[in-house]
Protein backbone atom coordinates (compact mmCIF):
# COMPACT_ATOMS: atom_id res chain seq x y z
CA UNK A 1 12.20 -9.76 26.19
CA UNK A 2 10.77 -7.55 23.44
CA UNK A 3 7.48 -7.57 21.71
CA UNK A 4 7.40 -8.77 18.12
CA UNK A 5 6.96 -5.33 16.61
CA UNK A 6 9.73 -3.88 18.80
CA UNK A 7 12.01 -6.51 17.41
CA UNK A 8 10.98 -5.79 13.78
CA UNK A 9 11.45 -2.07 14.32
CA UNK A 10 14.77 -2.43 16.11
CA UNK A 11 16.07 -4.57 13.31
CA UNK A 12 15.65 -1.74 10.80
CA UNK A 13 19.08 -0.05 10.59
CA UNK A 14 19.19 3.56 11.76
CA UNK A 15 20.44 4.66 8.31
CA UNK A 16 17.20 3.26 6.82
CA UNK A 17 15.06 5.01 9.44
CA UNK A 18 16.77 8.23 8.53
CA UNK A 19 16.16 7.63 4.82
CA UNK A 20 12.48 6.92 5.38
CA UNK A 21 11.98 9.80 7.81
CA UNK A 22 13.36 12.24 5.24
CA UNK A 23 11.10 11.11 2.36
CA UNK A 24 8.19 13.52 3.14
CA UNK A 25 10.65 16.44 3.34
CA UNK A 26 12.22 15.47 0.03
CA UNK A 27 8.68 15.41 -1.42
CA UNK A 28 8.03 19.00 -0.20
CA UNK A 29 11.15 20.14 -1.99
CA UNK A 30 9.89 18.51 -5.20
CA UNK A 31 6.56 20.10 -4.77
CA UNK A 32 8.16 23.54 -4.56
CA UNK A 33 10.16 22.87 -7.69
CA UNK A 34 7.12 21.69 -9.62
CA UNK A 35 5.06 24.70 -8.45
CA UNK A 36 7.74 27.06 -9.69
CA UNK A 37 8.04 25.28 -13.01
CA UNK A 38 4.47 25.63 -14.23
CA UNK A 39 2.10 28.60 -14.30
CA UNK A 40 -0.83 26.41 -13.31
CA UNK A 41 0.48 26.17 -9.76
CA UNK A 42 0.46 29.95 -9.37
CA UNK A 43 -3.35 29.93 -9.61
CA UNK A 44 -5.85 29.39 -6.75
CA UNK A 45 -6.95 26.09 -8.28
CA UNK A 46 -3.53 24.66 -7.43
CA UNK A 47 -4.62 24.46 -3.75
CA UNK A 48 -7.04 21.64 -4.75
CA UNK A 49 -4.19 19.82 -6.52
CA UNK A 50 -1.75 19.97 -3.60
CA UNK A 51 -2.89 16.75 -1.84
CA UNK A 52 -2.54 14.76 -5.05
CA UNK A 53 0.83 16.25 -5.87
CA UNK A 54 2.08 15.57 -2.35
CA UNK A 55 1.07 11.91 -2.50
CA UNK A 56 2.68 11.43 -5.91
CA UNK A 57 5.89 13.29 -4.84
CA UNK A 58 6.22 11.04 -1.77
CA UNK A 59 5.71 7.91 -3.94
CA UNK A 60 8.25 9.28 -6.37
CA UNK A 61 10.82 9.68 -3.56
CA UNK A 62 10.22 6.07 -2.47
CA UNK A 63 10.67 4.85 -6.03
CA UNK A 64 13.91 6.85 -6.47
CA UNK A 65 15.17 5.56 -3.15
CA UNK A 66 14.82 1.99 -4.46
CA UNK A 67 16.56 2.92 -7.69
CA UNK A 68 19.54 4.37 -5.82
CA UNK A 69 19.87 1.93 -2.87
CA UNK A 70 19.95 -1.81 -3.68
CA UNK A 71 18.72 -2.52 -0.15
CA UNK A 72 15.24 -1.52 -1.38
CA UNK A 73 12.95 -2.58 -4.20
CA UNK A 74 9.80 -0.85 -5.35
CA UNK A 75 6.75 -1.59 -7.41
CA UNK A 76 3.49 0.10 -8.31
CA UNK A 77 0.31 -1.54 -7.05
CA UNK A 78 -3.43 -0.81 -7.17
CA UNK A 79 -5.23 -0.07 -3.89
CA UNK A 80 -8.04 -2.25 -2.60
CA UNK A 81 -10.73 -0.28 -4.41
CA UNK A 82 -8.75 -0.40 -7.70
CA UNK A 83 -9.11 3.37 -8.18
CA UNK A 84 -5.59 4.54 -7.33
CA UNK A 85 -2.00 3.35 -7.50
CA UNK A 86 0.72 3.64 -4.96
CA UNK A 87 4.36 2.61 -4.48
CA UNK A 88 5.15 -0.40 -2.33
CA UNK A 89 8.72 -0.33 -0.97
CA UNK A 90 10.26 -3.64 0.06
CA UNK A 91 13.33 -3.99 2.28
CA UNK A 92 14.25 -7.21 4.12
CA UNK A 93 11.02 -8.81 5.25
CA UNK A 94 9.19 -5.49 5.30
CA UNK A 95 6.63 -3.95 2.92
CA UNK A 96 6.01 -0.23 3.25
CA UNK A 97 3.56 2.24 1.78
CA UNK A 98 3.31 5.94 2.59
CA UNK A 99 0.22 8.06 3.36
CA UNK A 100 -0.70 11.49 4.60
CA UNK A 101 -2.83 11.60 7.81
CA UNK A 102 -4.24 14.67 9.55
CA UNK A 103 -3.35 13.45 13.05
CA UNK A 104 -0.29 11.63 14.19
CA UNK A 105 -2.50 9.02 15.94
CA UNK A 106 -4.52 8.14 12.82
CA UNK A 107 -4.17 5.41 10.31
CA UNK A 108 -4.88 6.29 6.68
CA UNK A 109 -8.39 5.70 5.35
CA UNK A 110 -9.10 2.04 4.67
CA UNK A 111 -9.20 2.54 0.88
CA UNK A 112 -5.41 2.60 0.58
CA UNK A 113 -4.92 -0.88 1.94
CA UNK A 114 -4.76 -4.09 0.02
CA UNK A 115 -6.37 -6.94 1.90
CA UNK A 116 -3.40 -9.23 1.62
CA UNK A 117 -1.13 -6.63 3.24
CA UNK A 118 -3.24 -6.39 6.39
CA UNK A 119 -3.49 -10.18 6.54
CA UNK A 120 0.28 -10.29 6.86
CA UNK A 121 0.06 -8.52 10.26
CA UNK A 122 -1.98 -10.98 12.27
CA UNK A 123 0.05 -11.06 15.50
CA UNK A 124 -1.27 -9.41 18.61
CA UNK A 125 0.39 -6.18 19.71
CA UNK A 126 2.03 -7.65 22.79
CA UNK A 127 2.95 -11.15 21.66
CA UNK A 128 6.51 -11.71 22.74
CA UNK A 129 9.29 -13.52 20.86
CA UNK A 130 12.86 -14.09 21.54
CA UNK A 131 14.92 -11.19 20.25
CA UNK A 132 17.23 -13.57 18.41
CA UNK A 133 14.33 -15.33 16.69
CA UNK A 134 14.08 -14.59 12.99
CA UNK A 135 10.86 -14.49 11.02
CA UNK A 136 10.37 -15.07 7.32
CA UNK A 137 6.89 -13.48 7.35
CA UNK A 138 6.64 -10.14 5.63
CA UNK A 139 5.51 -7.31 7.85
CA UNK A 140 3.40 -4.45 6.45
CA UNK A 141 4.11 -0.94 7.74
CA UNK A 142 2.92 2.52 6.75
CA UNK A 143 5.04 5.67 6.70
CA UNK A 144 2.56 8.29 7.86
CA UNK A 145 3.28 11.99 7.78
CA UNK A 146 1.26 15.16 8.14
CA UNK A 147 0.94 18.75 9.27
CA UNK A 148 -1.45 21.63 9.63
CA UNK A 149 -0.84 22.68 6.04
CA UNK A 150 -0.02 20.83 2.82
CA UNK A 151 3.40 22.52 2.76
CA UNK A 152 4.40 21.51 6.33
CA UNK A 153 5.46 18.23 7.96
CA UNK A 154 4.84 18.18 11.71
CA UNK A 155 5.32 14.45 12.25
CA UNK A 156 6.63 11.29 10.56
CA UNK A 157 5.66 7.93 11.96
CA UNK A 158 6.20 4.30 11.13
CA UNK A 159 2.96 2.40 11.84
CA UNK A 160 2.16 -1.33 11.93
CA UNK A 161 -1.57 -1.75 11.22
CA UNK A 162 -2.90 -4.93 12.82
CA UNK A 163 -5.41 -7.42 11.44
CA UNK A 164 -7.25 -7.42 14.76
CA UNK A 165 -7.57 -3.63 14.61
CA UNK A 166 -5.50 -0.73 15.85
CA UNK A 167 -1.87 -0.13 15.15
CA UNK A 168 1.57 0.26 16.72
CA UNK A 169 3.40 3.52 16.15
CA UNK A 170 7.05 4.51 16.15
CA UNK A 171 8.15 8.15 15.91
CA UNK A 172 10.69 8.81 13.12
CA UNK A 173 11.07 12.54 13.70
CA UNK A 174 14.21 12.07 15.88
CA UNK A 175 15.89 10.67 12.75
CA UNK A 176 15.18 13.76 10.68
CA UNK A 177 18.32 15.82 10.33
CA UNK A 178 17.80 18.74 8.00
CA UNK A 179 20.26 21.49 7.20
CA UNK A 180 21.21 23.53 4.20
CA UNK A 181 24.17 21.28 3.35
CA UNK A 182 22.18 17.99 3.35
CA UNK A 183 21.16 18.16 -0.35
CA UNK A 184 18.13 16.06 0.51
CA UNK A 185 16.47 16.36 -2.89
CA UNK A 186 16.58 12.83 -4.40
CA UNK A 187 18.14 14.01 -7.63
CA UNK A 188 21.03 16.26 -8.70
CA UNK A 189 19.30 17.41 -11.86
CA UNK A 190 18.04 20.90 -12.56
CA UNK A 191 14.66 22.05 -11.39
CA UNK A 192 13.22 21.61 -14.92
CA UNK A 193 14.61 18.12 -15.11
CA UNK A 194 13.01 17.19 -11.83
CA UNK A 195 9.62 18.42 -13.05
CA UNK A 196 9.98 16.39 -16.24
CA UNK A 197 11.06 13.30 -14.29
CA UNK A 198 8.01 13.57 -12.04
CA UNK A 199 5.68 13.96 -15.02
CA UNK A 200 7.18 10.89 -16.70
CA UNK A 201 6.88 8.93 -13.46
CA UNK A 202 3.16 9.84 -13.21
CA UNK A 203 2.41 8.94 -16.85
CA UNK A 204 4.44 5.76 -17.05
CA UNK A 205 2.94 4.32 -13.85
CA UNK A 206 -0.60 5.63 -14.43
CA UNK A 207 -0.63 7.21 -10.98
CA UNK A 208 -3.45 9.55 -11.95
CA UNK A 209 -6.61 8.14 -13.56
């Protein structure tokens, strides 16, 4: 007998877990490309922009993933405080957002949540269900990633935040397979094209206000 969240997690195909685990690393590649494409990022002030660029690059990778794989769909939504937008990725009965956290055991700050997403995770952590039982309820999960520096990824987790408080965490790092032949950047365009695509993505979806 498995817990409910174990069943939800186990039902995500390994290929999808690999795709999601690689998103933060794809975003770092895009950050490097953008930094090299504009003189602004060679200045010290660029250090202050890095967290914003990282967040947008991760959202961009999620958005591109949905464009390229019909198993996913993506939309842009305002956060609970209506002061920022983020990408929501939907696959099966799952809704996913992505956020940077400083520690692998943390949840993102409350401002990124929309109330109705948390309300969709009301079950207690250890409520058991039959492994063959299907649910039509959408489950909200967060792809959390982080590292000591803005240019490093030390962990990638899939977290289920719970309405009652707390969260359940699954480590996605075992699914990360990086080598020089992977071609993990989410586009085959030139570096300049990637920078332009990212700029258009930001402007069209009003990700920066």
